[in-house]
Amino acid sequence: MLDENLARIRAHRNNIQRYRRLLKTRLSELERQFIERRVAEERSALDSLTAAIFPVSFGCANTPAEIRAGQ
């Protein structure tokens, strides 16, 4: 199951990279809009998948304000 999910993550990341490379080429405005929409869709799918697989979020224990206040 984890291998399948990691393969999905890899596929989304590869798609995003491919679309970003395409955005660096000469495109019509319609093509550019389509690809930008696809990047957003892939990014959203990737974010949803990673949140479902890795629900733990890591925060910084000492933010800069806390560090300054402690000094």
N, C-alpha and C. Protein backbone atom coordinates (compact mmCIF):
# COMPACT_ATOMS: atom_id res chain seq x y z
N MET A 1 0.82 -1.20 0.00
CA MET A 1 0.00 0.00 0.00
C MET A 1 0.87 1.27 0.00
N LEU A 2 1.88 1.28 0.85
CA LEU A 2 2.75 2.45 0.90
C LEU A 2 3.50 2.63 -0.42
N ASP A 3 3.95 1.53 -1.01
CA ASP A 3 4.64 1.61 -2.30
C ASP A 3 3.74 2.21 -3.38
N GLU A 4 2.46 1.83 -3.36
CA GLU A 4 1.51 2.36 -4.34
C GLU A 4 1.31 3.86 -4.13
N ASN A 5 1.19 4.28 -2.87
CA ASN A 5 1.01 5.70 -2.58
C ASN A 5 2.26 6.50 -2.94
N LEU A 6 3.42 5.94 -2.68
CA LEU A 6 4.66 6.64 -3.06
C LEU A 6 4.78 6.74 -4.57
N ALA A 7 4.33 5.74 -5.29
CA ALA A 7 4.33 5.80 -6.75
C ALA A 7 3.39 6.90 -7.24
N ARG A 8 2.26 7.04 -6.59
CA ARG A 8 1.32 8.12 -6.96
C ARG A 8 1.93 9.49 -6.70
N ILE A 9 2.59 9.64 -5.56
CA ILE A 9 3.26 10.90 -5.25
C ILE A 9 4.30 11.21 -6.31
N ARG A 10 5.09 10.21 -6.65
CA ARG A 10 6.13 10.38 -7.67
C ARG A 10 5.52 10.78 -9.01
N ALA A 11 4.40 10.16 -9.37
CA ALA A 11 3.75 10.48 -10.64
C ALA A 11 3.25 11.93 -10.66
N HIS A 12 2.66 12.38 -9.55
CA HIS A 12 2.19 13.77 -9.48
C HIS A 12 3.37 14.74 -9.58
N ARG A 13 4.46 14.44 -8.89
CA ARG A 13 5.64 15.30 -8.93
C ARG A 13 6.23 15.35 -10.32
N ASN A 14 6.29 14.20 -10.99
CA ASN A 14 6.81 14.16 -12.36
C ASN A 14 5.93 14.97 -13.30
N ASN A 15 4.62 14.85 -13.14
CA ASN A 15 3.70 15.62 -13.98
C ASN A 15 3.89 17.12 -13.76
N ILE A 16 4.02 17.53 -12.52
CA ILE A 16 4.23 18.94 -12.22
C ILE A 16 5.52 19.43 -12.86
N GLN A 17 6.59 18.65 -12.76
CA GLN A 17 7.86 19.04 -13.38
C GLN A 17 7.74 19.15 -14.89
N ARG A 18 7.04 18.20 -15.49
CA ARG A 18 6.85 18.22 -16.94
C ARG A 18 6.06 19.46 -17.36
N TYR A 19 4.99 19.77 -16.64
CA TYR A 19 4.20 20.96 -16.97
C TYR A 19 5.01 22.24 -16.78
N ARG A 20 5.83 22.30 -15.75
CA ARG A 20 6.66 23.49 -15.54
C ARG A 20 7.67 23.67 -16.67
N ARG A 21 8.22 22.56 -17.16
CA ARG A 21 9.12 22.65 -18.32
C ARG A 21 8.37 23.18 -19.54
N LEU A 22 7.14 22.71 -19.72
CA LEU A 22 6.34 23.19 -20.85
C LEU A 22 6.05 24.68 -20.74
N LEU A 23 5.85 25.17 -19.53
CA LEU A 23 5.56 26.59 -19.34
C LEU A 23 6.74 27.48 -19.73
N LYS A 24 7.93 26.91 -19.80
CA LYS A 24 9.11 27.68 -20.20
C LYS A 24 9.26 27.78 -21.72
N THR A 25 8.36 27.11 -22.46
CA THR A 25 8.42 27.14 -23.91
C THR A 25 7.44 28.18 -24.45
N ARG A 26 7.48 28.39 -25.76
CA ARG A 26 6.54 29.32 -26.40
C ARG A 26 5.19 28.64 -26.53
N LEU A 27 4.18 29.26 -25.92
CA LEU A 27 2.83 28.71 -25.92
C LEU A 27 1.83 29.80 -26.25
N SER A 28 0.71 29.39 -26.80
CA SER A 28 -0.38 30.35 -26.96
C SER A 28 -0.98 30.61 -25.58
N GLU A 29 -1.75 31.65 -25.47
CA GLU A 29 -2.37 31.98 -24.19
C GLU A 29 -3.30 30.86 -23.73
N LEU A 30 -4.02 30.26 -24.65
CA LEU A 30 -4.93 29.16 -24.33
C LEU A 30 -4.14 27.95 -23.81
N GLU A 31 -3.04 27.62 -24.46
CA GLU A 31 -2.21 26.50 -24.02
C GLU A 31 -1.62 26.77 -22.63
N ARG A 32 -1.17 28.01 -22.44
CA ARG A 32 -0.58 28.39 -21.15
C ARG A 32 -1.62 28.27 -20.03
N GLN A 33 -2.82 28.75 -20.28
CA GLN A 33 -3.88 28.65 -19.27
C GLN A 33 -4.21 27.20 -18.94
N PHE A 34 -4.26 26.36 -19.97
CA PHE A 34 -4.55 24.95 -19.76
C PHE A 34 -3.47 24.30 -18.89
N ILE A 35 -2.21 24.56 -19.21
CA ILE A 35 -1.11 23.95 -18.47
C ILE A 35 -1.06 24.48 -17.04
N GLU A 36 -1.29 25.76 -16.86
CA GLU A 36 -1.32 26.32 -15.51
C GLU A 36 -2.44 25.69 -14.68
N ARG A 37 -3.57 25.43 -15.31
CA ARG A 37 -4.68 24.76 -14.62
C ARG A 37 -4.29 23.33 -14.25
N ARG A 38 -3.61 22.65 -15.16
CA ARG A 38 -3.17 21.28 -14.88
C ARG A 38 -2.15 21.25 -13.74
N VAL A 39 -1.25 22.23 -13.69
CA VAL A 39 -0.28 22.30 -12.59
C VAL A 39 -1.03 22.47 -11.27
N ALA A 40 -2.01 23.34 -11.25
CA ALA A 40 -2.79 23.56 -10.03
C ALA A 40 -3.54 22.29 -9.62
N GLU A 41 -4.10 21.58 -10.58
CA GLU A 41 -4.82 20.34 -10.28
C GLU A 41 -3.87 19.27 -9.75
N GLU A 42 -2.71 19.14 -10.37
CA GLU A 42 -1.72 18.16 -9.92
C GLU A 42 -1.22 18.51 -8.52
N ARG A 43 -0.97 19.79 -8.29
CA ARG A 43 -0.48 20.24 -6.97
C ARG A 43 -1.52 19.95 -5.89
N SER A 44 -2.78 20.21 -6.20
CA SER A 44 -3.86 19.95 -5.26
C SER A 44 -3.97 18.45 -4.96
N ALA A 45 -3.89 17.64 -5.99
CA ALA A 45 -3.95 16.18 -5.81
C ALA A 45 -2.76 15.70 -4.99
N LEU A 46 -1.58 16.25 -5.25
CA LEU A 46 -0.39 15.88 -4.50
C LEU A 46 -0.52 16.28 -3.03
N ASP A 47 -1.00 17.48 -2.78
CA ASP A 47 -1.18 17.95 -1.40
C ASP A 47 -2.19 17.08 -0.65
N SER A 48 -3.29 16.73 -1.30
CA SER A 48 -4.30 15.87 -0.68
C SER A 48 -3.74 14.49 -0.37
N LEU A 49 -3.02 13.95 -1.30
CA LEU A 49 -2.44 12.62 -1.12
C LEU A 49 -1.41 12.60 0.00
N THR A 50 -0.53 13.58 0.02
CA THR A 50 0.49 13.61 1.06
C THR A 50 -0.13 13.87 2.44
N ALA A 51 -1.18 14.68 2.50
CA ALA A 51 -1.85 14.91 3.77
C ALA A 51 -2.53 13.64 4.28
N ALA A 52 -3.05 12.84 3.38
CA ALA A 52 -3.71 11.60 3.78
C ALA A 52 -2.68 10.55 4.22
N ILE A 53 -1.55 10.52 3.55
CA ILE A 53 -0.53 9.50 3.86
C ILE A 53 0.29 9.91 5.07
N PHE A 54 0.66 11.18 5.15
CA PHE A 54 1.50 11.69 6.23
C PHE A 54 0.76 12.79 6.98
N PRO A 55 -0.17 12.43 7.85
CA PRO A 55 -1.02 13.43 8.51
C PRO A 55 -0.31 14.25 9.59
N VAL A 56 0.92 13.91 9.92
CA VAL A 56 1.65 14.62 10.97
C VAL A 56 2.27 15.87 10.39
N SER A 57 2.10 16.97 11.07
CA SER A 57 2.77 18.20 10.64
C SER A 57 3.82 18.55 11.66
N PHE A 58 4.91 19.07 11.20
CA PHE A 58 6.01 19.42 12.08
C PHE A 58 6.09 20.93 12.19
N GLY A 59 6.16 21.41 13.39
CA GLY A 59 6.28 22.84 13.62
C GLY A 59 7.60 23.14 14.31
N CYS A 60 7.99 24.35 14.24
CA CYS A 60 9.22 24.77 14.89
C CYS A 60 8.91 25.02 16.36
N ALA A 61 9.70 24.43 17.24
CA ALA A 61 9.46 24.57 18.67
C ALA A 61 9.74 26.00 19.13
N ASN A 62 10.76 26.60 18.59
CA ASN A 62 11.12 27.96 18.98
C ASN A 62 11.03 28.87 17.77
N THR A 63 10.00 29.68 17.72
CA THR A 63 9.88 30.64 16.64
C THR A 63 10.80 31.82 16.97
N PRO A 64 11.17 32.62 15.99
CA PRO A 64 12.07 33.75 16.26
C PRO A 64 11.56 34.66 17.37
N ALA A 65 10.25 34.89 17.47
CA ALA A 65 9.71 35.77 18.52
C ALA A 65 9.94 35.14 19.90
N GLU A 66 9.77 33.81 19.99
CA GLU A 66 9.98 33.12 21.26
C GLU A 66 11.45 33.16 21.67
N ILE A 67 12.33 33.05 20.68
CA ILE A 67 13.77 33.09 20.96
C ILE A 67 14.16 34.46 21.49
N ARG A 68 13.65 35.52 20.82
CA ARG A 68 13.97 36.88 21.28
C ARG A 68 13.40 37.16 22.66
N ALA A 69 12.20 36.65 22.93
CA ALA A 69 11.56 36.90 24.22
C ALA A 69 12.33 36.21 25.35
N GLY A 70 12.95 35.09 25.05
CA GLY A 70 13.69 34.34 26.05
C GLY A 70 15.05 34.93 26.36
N GLN A 71 15.52 35.83 25.52
CA GLN A 71 16.86 36.40 25.73
C GLN A 71 16.84 37.54 26.69
